[in-house]
Amino acid sequence: MNVKELDDSMTGQAFRVMRELRPHLTGSAEFAERIRRQRAEGYRLVGSFDASGDVVSVAGFRTGNNLAWGHFLYVDDLCTLPEARGHGHASALLQWIDEEARRLGCQQVHLDSGTHRHDAHRRYLSSGYVIQAFHFGKPA
């Protein structure tokens, strides 16, 4: 299993995977532009590749600092194509993220997950995450 960070030239390879998690994305051009804007704010994208060299799992993350968590790494997006699930790609990405958080001196790693994503929750719990809070949001 090959896990590596995706640069601007590789962003398009992640679109098919990210669309599984973010179906509101209308196309690869919009996706690439949104990633470009997020990268300017510190967002990074990492992918897991299958044996044929296709991106089958992706994670988007950023770092920050706040009073609650200190210096942290936050996973904004994490998804694996349905046909690639159960092959260790998400676990490989989470391990890569843990190593990157340590390398960057982060004290904590955080993510939110939709309440209906039970398989993902099992992966997170088995990877050492705990449910610490409810997340609330509303339109502006």
N, C-alpha and C. Protein backbone atom coordinates (compact mmCIF):
# COMPACT_ATOMS: atom_id res chain seq x y z
N MET A 1 0.85 -1.18 0.00
CA MET A 1 0.00 0.00 0.00
C MET A 1 0.89 1.24 0.00
N ASN A 2 0.58 2.14 -0.89
CA ASN A 2 1.38 3.35 -1.05
C ASN A 2 0.56 4.55 -0.59
N VAL A 3 1.07 5.28 0.39
CA VAL A 3 0.42 6.49 0.89
C VAL A 3 1.37 7.65 0.67
N LYS A 4 0.85 8.71 0.05
CA LYS A 4 1.70 9.89 -0.13
C LYS A 4 0.83 11.13 -0.25
N GLU A 5 1.46 12.26 0.03
CA GLU A 5 0.77 13.53 -0.07
C GLU A 5 0.56 13.89 -1.53
N LEU A 6 -0.60 14.46 -1.82
CA LEU A 6 -0.95 14.84 -3.18
C LEU A 6 -0.69 16.33 -3.36
N ASP A 7 0.12 16.66 -4.36
CA ASP A 7 0.37 18.07 -4.65
C ASP A 7 -0.66 18.57 -5.66
N ASP A 8 -0.52 19.82 -6.08
CA ASP A 8 -1.48 20.42 -7.00
C ASP A 8 -1.66 19.59 -8.27
N SER A 9 -0.58 19.05 -8.78
CA SER A 9 -0.66 18.30 -10.04
C SER A 9 -1.41 16.97 -9.87
N MET A 10 -1.56 16.51 -8.65
CA MET A 10 -2.20 15.22 -8.38
C MET A 10 -3.61 15.37 -7.80
N THR A 11 -4.04 16.59 -7.53
CA THR A 11 -5.33 16.81 -6.86
C THR A 11 -6.48 16.14 -7.59
N GLY A 12 -6.51 16.23 -8.89
CA GLY A 12 -7.61 15.65 -9.66
C GLY A 12 -7.81 14.16 -9.44
N GLN A 13 -6.73 13.46 -9.10
CA GLN A 13 -6.82 12.02 -8.85
C GLN A 13 -7.68 11.70 -7.64
N ALA A 14 -7.89 12.66 -6.76
CA ALA A 14 -8.65 12.44 -5.53
C ALA A 14 -10.14 12.74 -5.69
N PHE A 15 -10.53 13.33 -6.81
CA PHE A 15 -11.91 13.78 -6.96
C PHE A 15 -12.92 12.64 -6.84
N ARG A 16 -12.70 11.56 -7.54
CA ARG A 16 -13.67 10.44 -7.52
C ARG A 16 -13.88 9.93 -6.09
N VAL A 17 -12.82 9.87 -5.32
CA VAL A 17 -12.93 9.40 -3.93
C VAL A 17 -13.66 10.44 -3.08
N MET A 18 -13.24 11.69 -3.18
CA MET A 18 -13.84 12.74 -2.35
C MET A 18 -15.32 12.93 -2.65
N ARG A 19 -15.71 12.67 -3.89
CA ARG A 19 -17.12 12.82 -4.25
C ARG A 19 -17.99 11.83 -3.49
N GLU A 20 -17.44 10.69 -3.05
CA GLU A 20 -18.19 9.74 -2.21
C GLU A 20 -18.60 10.39 -0.90
N LEU A 21 -17.71 11.21 -0.35
CA LEU A 21 -17.96 11.88 0.93
C LEU A 21 -18.68 13.21 0.74
N ARG A 22 -18.37 13.90 -0.33
CA ARG A 22 -18.89 15.24 -0.59
C ARG A 22 -19.64 15.25 -1.93
N PRO A 23 -20.82 14.61 -1.99
CA PRO A 23 -21.53 14.47 -3.27
C PRO A 23 -22.01 15.79 -3.87
N HIS A 24 -21.99 16.86 -3.10
CA HIS A 24 -22.40 18.16 -3.62
C HIS A 24 -21.38 18.77 -4.57
N LEU A 25 -20.18 18.23 -4.61
CA LEU A 25 -19.17 18.74 -5.53
C LEU A 25 -19.61 18.45 -6.96
N THR A 26 -19.60 19.45 -7.81
CA THR A 26 -20.18 19.32 -9.14
C THR A 26 -19.22 18.78 -10.19
N GLY A 27 -17.94 18.93 -9.98
CA GLY A 27 -16.99 18.44 -10.97
C GLY A 27 -15.56 18.59 -10.52
N SER A 28 -14.66 18.01 -11.28
CA SER A 28 -13.25 18.01 -10.88
C SER A 28 -12.64 19.41 -10.90
N ALA A 29 -13.11 20.29 -11.79
CA ALA A 29 -12.57 21.66 -11.82
C ALA A 29 -12.94 22.41 -10.54
N GLU A 30 -14.20 22.30 -10.13
CA GLU A 30 -14.63 22.94 -8.89
C GLU A 30 -13.85 22.37 -7.70
N PHE A 31 -13.70 21.06 -7.68
CA PHE A 31 -12.95 20.40 -6.61
C PHE A 31 -11.53 20.93 -6.55
N ALA A 32 -10.84 20.97 -7.67
CA ALA A 32 -9.45 21.44 -7.70
C ALA A 32 -9.35 22.88 -7.23
N GLU A 33 -10.30 23.72 -7.62
CA GLU A 33 -10.29 25.13 -7.19
C GLU A 33 -10.52 25.25 -5.69
N ARG A 34 -11.45 24.47 -5.16
CA ARG A 34 -11.70 24.52 -3.72
C ARG A 34 -10.48 24.03 -2.93
N ILE A 35 -9.85 22.98 -3.42
CA ILE A 35 -8.63 22.48 -2.76
C ILE A 35 -7.53 23.53 -2.83
N ARG A 36 -7.39 24.20 -3.98
CA ARG A 36 -6.37 25.25 -4.13
C ARG A 36 -6.59 26.35 -3.08
N ARG A 37 -7.83 26.79 -2.91
CA ARG A 37 -8.13 27.83 -1.91
C ARG A 37 -7.87 27.33 -0.50
N GLN A 38 -8.24 26.10 -0.23
CA GLN A 38 -8.00 25.55 1.11
C GLN A 38 -6.51 25.38 1.38
N ARG A 39 -5.76 24.99 0.37
CA ARG A 39 -4.30 24.85 0.55
C ARG A 39 -3.68 26.17 0.98
N ALA A 40 -4.19 27.28 0.46
CA ALA A 40 -3.69 28.59 0.85
C ALA A 40 -3.90 28.85 2.34
N GLU A 41 -4.83 28.11 2.95
CA GLU A 41 -5.11 28.23 4.38
C GLU A 41 -4.50 27.09 5.19
N GLY A 42 -3.64 26.28 4.56
CA GLY A 42 -2.93 25.23 5.27
C GLY A 42 -3.47 23.82 5.09
N TYR A 43 -4.51 23.65 4.29
CA TYR A 43 -5.09 22.33 4.04
C TYR A 43 -4.12 21.48 3.24
N ARG A 44 -4.06 20.21 3.58
CA ARG A 44 -3.22 19.27 2.86
C ARG A 44 -4.03 18.03 2.51
N LEU A 45 -3.64 17.34 1.45
CA LEU A 45 -4.36 16.18 0.96
C LEU A 45 -3.40 15.02 0.81
N VAL A 46 -3.78 13.88 1.35
CA VAL A 46 -2.94 12.69 1.25
C VAL A 46 -3.80 11.56 0.70
N GLY A 47 -3.19 10.69 -0.11
CA GLY A 47 -3.94 9.60 -0.73
C GLY A 47 -3.30 8.25 -0.49
N SER A 48 -4.14 7.24 -0.55
CA SER A 48 -3.68 5.86 -0.52
C SER A 48 -3.98 5.27 -1.90
N PHE A 49 -2.98 4.64 -2.48
CA PHE A 49 -3.05 4.12 -3.84
C PHE A 49 -3.19 2.60 -3.82
N ASP A 50 -3.99 2.08 -4.76
CA ASP A 50 -4.09 0.63 -4.88
C ASP A 50 -2.93 0.11 -5.73
N ALA A 51 -2.93 -1.19 -5.97
CA ALA A 51 -1.82 -1.82 -6.70
C ALA A 51 -1.69 -1.31 -8.13
N SER A 52 -2.79 -0.82 -8.72
CA SER A 52 -2.72 -0.31 -10.09
C SER A 52 -2.31 1.16 -10.14
N GLY A 53 -2.11 1.79 -8.97
CA GLY A 53 -1.67 3.18 -8.92
C GLY A 53 -2.79 4.19 -8.85
N ASP A 54 -4.02 3.73 -8.66
CA ASP A 54 -5.15 4.64 -8.53
C ASP A 54 -5.35 5.07 -7.08
N VAL A 55 -5.74 6.34 -6.88
CA VAL A 55 -6.08 6.82 -5.54
C VAL A 55 -7.43 6.22 -5.18
N VAL A 56 -7.47 5.48 -4.07
CA VAL A 56 -8.72 4.83 -3.65
C VAL A 56 -9.19 5.30 -2.28
N SER A 57 -8.35 6.08 -1.61
CA SER A 57 -8.71 6.61 -0.29
C SER A 57 -7.96 7.93 -0.13
N VAL A 58 -8.65 8.92 0.45
CA VAL A 58 -8.02 10.23 0.65
C VAL A 58 -8.35 10.78 2.02
N ALA A 59 -7.45 11.63 2.49
CA ALA A 59 -7.67 12.37 3.73
C ALA A 59 -7.20 13.80 3.51
N GLY A 60 -8.04 14.74 3.90
CA GLY A 60 -7.68 16.14 3.87
C GLY A 60 -7.60 16.65 5.29
N PHE A 61 -6.57 17.41 5.60
CA PHE A 61 -6.36 17.84 6.98
C PHE A 61 -5.68 19.19 7.04
N ARG A 62 -5.64 19.74 8.23
CA ARG A 62 -4.97 21.01 8.48
C ARG A 62 -4.52 21.01 9.94
N THR A 63 -3.65 21.92 10.26
CA THR A 63 -3.24 22.08 11.65
C THR A 63 -3.72 23.43 12.15
N GLY A 64 -3.77 23.56 13.45
CA GLY A 64 -4.19 24.81 14.05
C GLY A 64 -3.81 24.85 15.52
N ASN A 65 -4.19 25.93 16.13
CA ASN A 65 -3.96 26.13 17.56
C ASN A 65 -5.22 26.72 18.16
N ASN A 66 -5.62 26.20 19.31
CA ASN A 66 -6.73 26.80 20.03
C ASN A 66 -6.60 26.50 21.52
N LEU A 67 -7.43 27.15 22.32
CA LEU A 67 -7.37 26.97 23.76
C LEU A 67 -7.76 25.56 24.19
N ALA A 68 -8.72 24.97 23.49
CA ALA A 68 -9.22 23.65 23.88
C ALA A 68 -8.20 22.54 23.62
N TRP A 69 -7.52 22.59 22.49
CA TRP A 69 -6.67 21.47 22.08
C TRP A 69 -5.20 21.79 21.97
N GLY A 70 -4.80 23.04 22.14
CA GLY A 70 -3.40 23.40 21.92
C GLY A 70 -3.09 23.32 20.44
N HIS A 71 -1.90 22.81 20.10
CA HIS A 71 -1.52 22.63 18.69
C HIS A 71 -2.10 21.29 18.24
N PHE A 72 -2.95 21.30 17.21
CA PHE A 72 -3.69 20.11 16.81
C PHE A 72 -3.63 19.89 15.31
N LEU A 73 -3.92 18.68 14.91
CA LEU A 73 -4.15 18.33 13.53
C LEU A 73 -5.62 17.94 13.43
N TYR A 74 -6.33 18.52 12.47
CA TYR A 74 -7.75 18.25 12.29
C TYR A 74 -7.99 17.62 10.92
N VAL A 75 -8.63 16.47 10.91
CA VAL A 75 -8.96 15.78 9.68
C VAL A 75 -10.32 16.29 9.21
N ASP A 76 -10.32 17.05 8.12
CA ASP A 76 -11.55 17.58 7.54
C ASP A 76 -12.30 16.53 6.73
N ASP A 77 -11.57 15.72 6.01
CA ASP A 77 -12.15 14.79 5.05
C ASP A 77 -11.38 13.47 5.10
N LEU A 78 -12.12 12.37 5.11
CA LEU A 78 -11.51 11.05 5.04
C LEU A 78 -12.51 10.11 4.40
N CYS A 79 -12.12 9.50 3.30
CA CYS A 79 -13.05 8.63 2.58
C CYS A 79 -12.28 7.60 1.77
N THR A 80 -12.90 6.43 1.61
CA THR A 80 -12.37 5.35 0.78
C THR A 80 -13.47 4.93 -0.20
N LEU A 81 -13.09 4.66 -1.44
CA LEU A 81 -14.07 4.17 -2.40
C LEU A 81 -14.70 2.88 -1.89
N PRO A 82 -15.98 2.69 -2.11
CA PRO A 82 -16.67 1.49 -1.59
C PRO A 82 -15.96 0.19 -1.96
N GLU A 83 -15.49 0.08 -3.20
CA GLU A 83 -14.86 -1.17 -3.63
C GLU A 83 -13.48 -1.38 -3.01
N ALA A 84 -12.91 -0.37 -2.39
CA ALA A 84 -11.58 -0.49 -1.76
C ALA A 84 -11.67 -0.61 -0.24
N ARG A 85 -12.87 -0.52 0.31
CA ARG A 85 -13.02 -0.61 1.77
C ARG A 85 -12.69 -2.01 2.26
N GLY A 86 -12.16 -2.07 3.48
CA GLY A 86 -11.80 -3.35 4.06
C GLY A 86 -10.42 -3.85 3.65
N HIS A 87 -9.65 -3.02 2.95
CA HIS A 87 -8.32 -3.42 2.50
C HIS A 87 -7.20 -2.66 3.22
N GLY A 88 -7.54 -1.88 4.26
CA GLY A 88 -6.53 -1.22 5.06
C GLY A 88 -6.15 0.19 4.63
N HIS A 89 -6.82 0.73 3.62
CA HIS A 89 -6.44 2.05 3.13
C HIS A 89 -6.71 3.15 4.18
N ALA A 90 -7.87 3.14 4.79
CA ALA A 90 -8.18 4.16 5.81
C ALA A 90 -7.23 4.04 6.99
N SER A 91 -6.95 2.82 7.40
CA SER A 91 -6.00 2.62 8.51
C SER A 91 -4.63 3.16 8.15
N ALA A 92 -4.20 2.93 6.92
CA ALA A 92 -2.89 3.44 6.48
C ALA A 92 -2.88 4.97 6.50
N LEU A 93 -3.96 5.59 6.05
CA LEU A 93 -4.04 7.05 6.08
C LEU A 93 -4.03 7.57 7.52
N LEU A 94 -4.79 6.93 8.39
CA LEU A 94 -4.82 7.37 9.80
C LEU A 94 -3.45 7.22 10.45
N GLN A 95 -2.73 6.15 10.11
CA GLN A 95 -1.38 5.98 10.65
C GLN A 95 -0.45 7.07 10.12
N TRP A 96 -0.55 7.38 8.82
CA TRP A 96 0.25 8.45 8.23
C TRP A 96 -0.05 9.78 8.92
N ILE A 97 -1.32 10.04 9.17
CA ILE A 97 -1.74 11.28 9.84
C ILE A 97 -1.18 11.34 11.26
N ASP A 98 -1.24 10.23 11.98
CA ASP A 98 -0.67 10.19 13.34
C ASP A 98 0.83 10.52 13.31
N GLU A 99 1.54 9.94 12.37
CA GLU A 99 2.98 10.19 12.25
C GLU A 99 3.25 11.65 11.89
N GLU A 100 2.44 12.21 11.00
CA GLU A 100 2.61 13.61 10.61
C GLU A 100 2.30 14.54 11.78
N ALA A 101 1.28 14.22 12.56
CA ALA A 101 0.94 15.02 13.74
C ALA A 101 2.11 15.04 14.73
N ARG A 102 2.71 13.88 14.96
CA ARG A 102 3.87 13.82 15.85
C ARG A 102 5.03 14.63 15.28
N ARG A 103 5.28 14.47 13.97
CA ARG A 103 6.38 15.20 13.32
C ARG A 103 6.19 16.71 13.46
N LEU A 104 4.94 17.17 13.39
CA LEU A 104 4.64 18.60 13.47
C LEU A 104 4.51 19.10 14.91
N GLY A 105 4.63 18.22 15.89
CA GLY A 105 4.55 18.63 17.29
C GLY A 105 3.13 18.87 17.78
N CYS A 106 2.16 18.26 17.12
CA CYS A 106 0.76 18.42 17.54
C CYS A 106 0.51 17.60 18.81
N GLN A 107 -0.29 18.17 19.71
CA GLN A 107 -0.65 17.44 20.92
C GLN A 107 -1.84 16.51 20.71
N GLN A 108 -2.69 16.82 19.73
CA GLN A 108 -3.91 16.04 19.52
C GLN A 108 -4.25 15.95 18.04
N VAL A 109 -5.03 14.91 17.70
CA VAL A 109 -5.61 14.75 16.37
C VAL A 109 -7.12 14.67 16.56
N HIS A 110 -7.86 15.41 15.73
CA HIS A 110 -9.32 15.44 15.84
C HIS A 110 -9.97 15.24 14.49
N LEU A 111 -11.20 14.75 14.52
CA LEU A 111 -12.04 14.68 13.32
C LEU A 111 -13.50 14.63 13.76
N ASP A 112 -14.37 15.03 12.86
CA ASP A 112 -15.82 14.88 13.04
C ASP A 112 -16.27 13.84 12.02
N SER A 113 -17.37 13.16 12.34
CA SER A 113 -17.90 12.16 11.43
C SER A 113 -19.42 12.19 11.49
N GLY A 114 -20.06 12.07 10.35
CA GLY A 114 -21.51 12.06 10.31
C GLY A 114 -22.08 10.94 11.17
N THR A 115 -23.19 11.21 11.81
CA THR A 115 -23.77 10.25 12.75
C THR A 115 -24.15 8.93 12.09
N HIS A 116 -24.37 8.91 10.81
CA HIS A 116 -24.79 7.71 10.09
C HIS A 116 -23.63 6.85 9.60
N ARG A 117 -22.40 7.29 9.78
CA ARG A 117 -21.23 6.58 9.22
C ARG A 117 -20.66 5.56 10.21
N HIS A 118 -21.46 4.55 10.51
CA HIS A 118 -21.10 3.58 11.55
C HIS A 118 -19.83 2.80 11.26
N ASP A 119 -19.61 2.40 10.01
CA ASP A 119 -18.38 1.68 9.67
C ASP A 119 -17.16 2.56 9.93
N ALA A 120 -17.27 3.84 9.56
CA ALA A 120 -16.16 4.77 9.81
C ALA A 120 -15.92 4.92 11.31
N HIS A 121 -16.99 4.97 12.08
CA HIS A 121 -16.84 5.12 13.54
C HIS A 121 -16.09 3.93 14.12
N ARG A 122 -16.41 2.73 13.65
CA ARG A 122 -15.67 1.56 14.14
C ARG A 122 -14.19 1.69 13.82
N ARG A 123 -13.84 2.18 12.63
CA ARG A 123 -12.43 2.37 12.25
C ARG A 123 -11.77 3.38 13.18
N TYR A 124 -12.45 4.49 13.44
CA TYR A 124 -11.87 5.53 14.29
C TYR A 124 -11.67 5.02 15.71
N LEU A 125 -12.67 4.35 16.24
CA LEU A 125 -12.56 3.82 17.60
C LEU A 125 -11.44 2.80 17.71
N SER A 126 -11.30 1.94 16.70
CA SER A 126 -10.22 0.94 16.73
C SER A 126 -8.85 1.56 16.50
N SER A 127 -8.83 2.80 16.02
CA SER A 127 -7.57 3.52 15.80
C SER A 127 -7.21 4.43 16.97
N GLY A 128 -7.95 4.33 18.07
CA GLY A 128 -7.61 5.08 19.27
C GLY A 128 -8.40 6.36 19.50
N TYR A 129 -9.29 6.72 18.58
CA TYR A 129 -10.12 7.91 18.77
C TYR A 129 -11.22 7.60 19.77
N VAL A 130 -11.66 8.61 20.49
CA VAL A 130 -12.78 8.49 21.41
C VAL A 130 -13.80 9.58 21.07
N ILE A 131 -15.05 9.29 21.37
CA ILE A 131 -16.10 10.28 21.13
C ILE A 131 -16.07 11.26 22.29
N GLN A 132 -15.67 12.51 22.02
CA GLN A 132 -15.48 13.50 23.07
C GLN A 132 -16.59 14.53 23.15
N ALA A 133 -17.35 14.71 22.07
CA ALA A 133 -18.33 15.80 22.07
C ALA A 133 -19.33 15.61 20.94
N PHE A 134 -20.38 16.36 20.98
CA PHE A 134 -21.28 16.52 19.84
C PHE A 134 -20.86 17.77 19.11
N HIS A 135 -20.99 17.77 17.80
CA HIS A 135 -20.67 18.94 17.00
C HIS A 135 -21.98 19.57 16.53
N PHE A 136 -22.16 20.84 16.71
CA PHE A 136 -23.37 21.53 16.31
C PHE A 136 -23.03 22.53 15.21
N GLY A 137 -23.96 22.74 14.31
CA GLY A 137 -23.77 23.72 13.25
C GLY A 137 -25.11 24.20 12.74
N LYS A 138 -25.09 25.34 12.06
CA LYS A 138 -26.28 25.88 11.42
C LYS A 138 -25.87 26.80 10.31
N PRO A 139 -26.75 27.01 9.35
CA PRO A 139 -26.41 27.94 8.26
C PRO A 139 -26.22 29.35 8.80
N ALA A 140 -25.35 30.11 8.15
CA ALA A 140 -25.11 31.50 8.56
C ALA A 140 -26.23 32.41 8.11
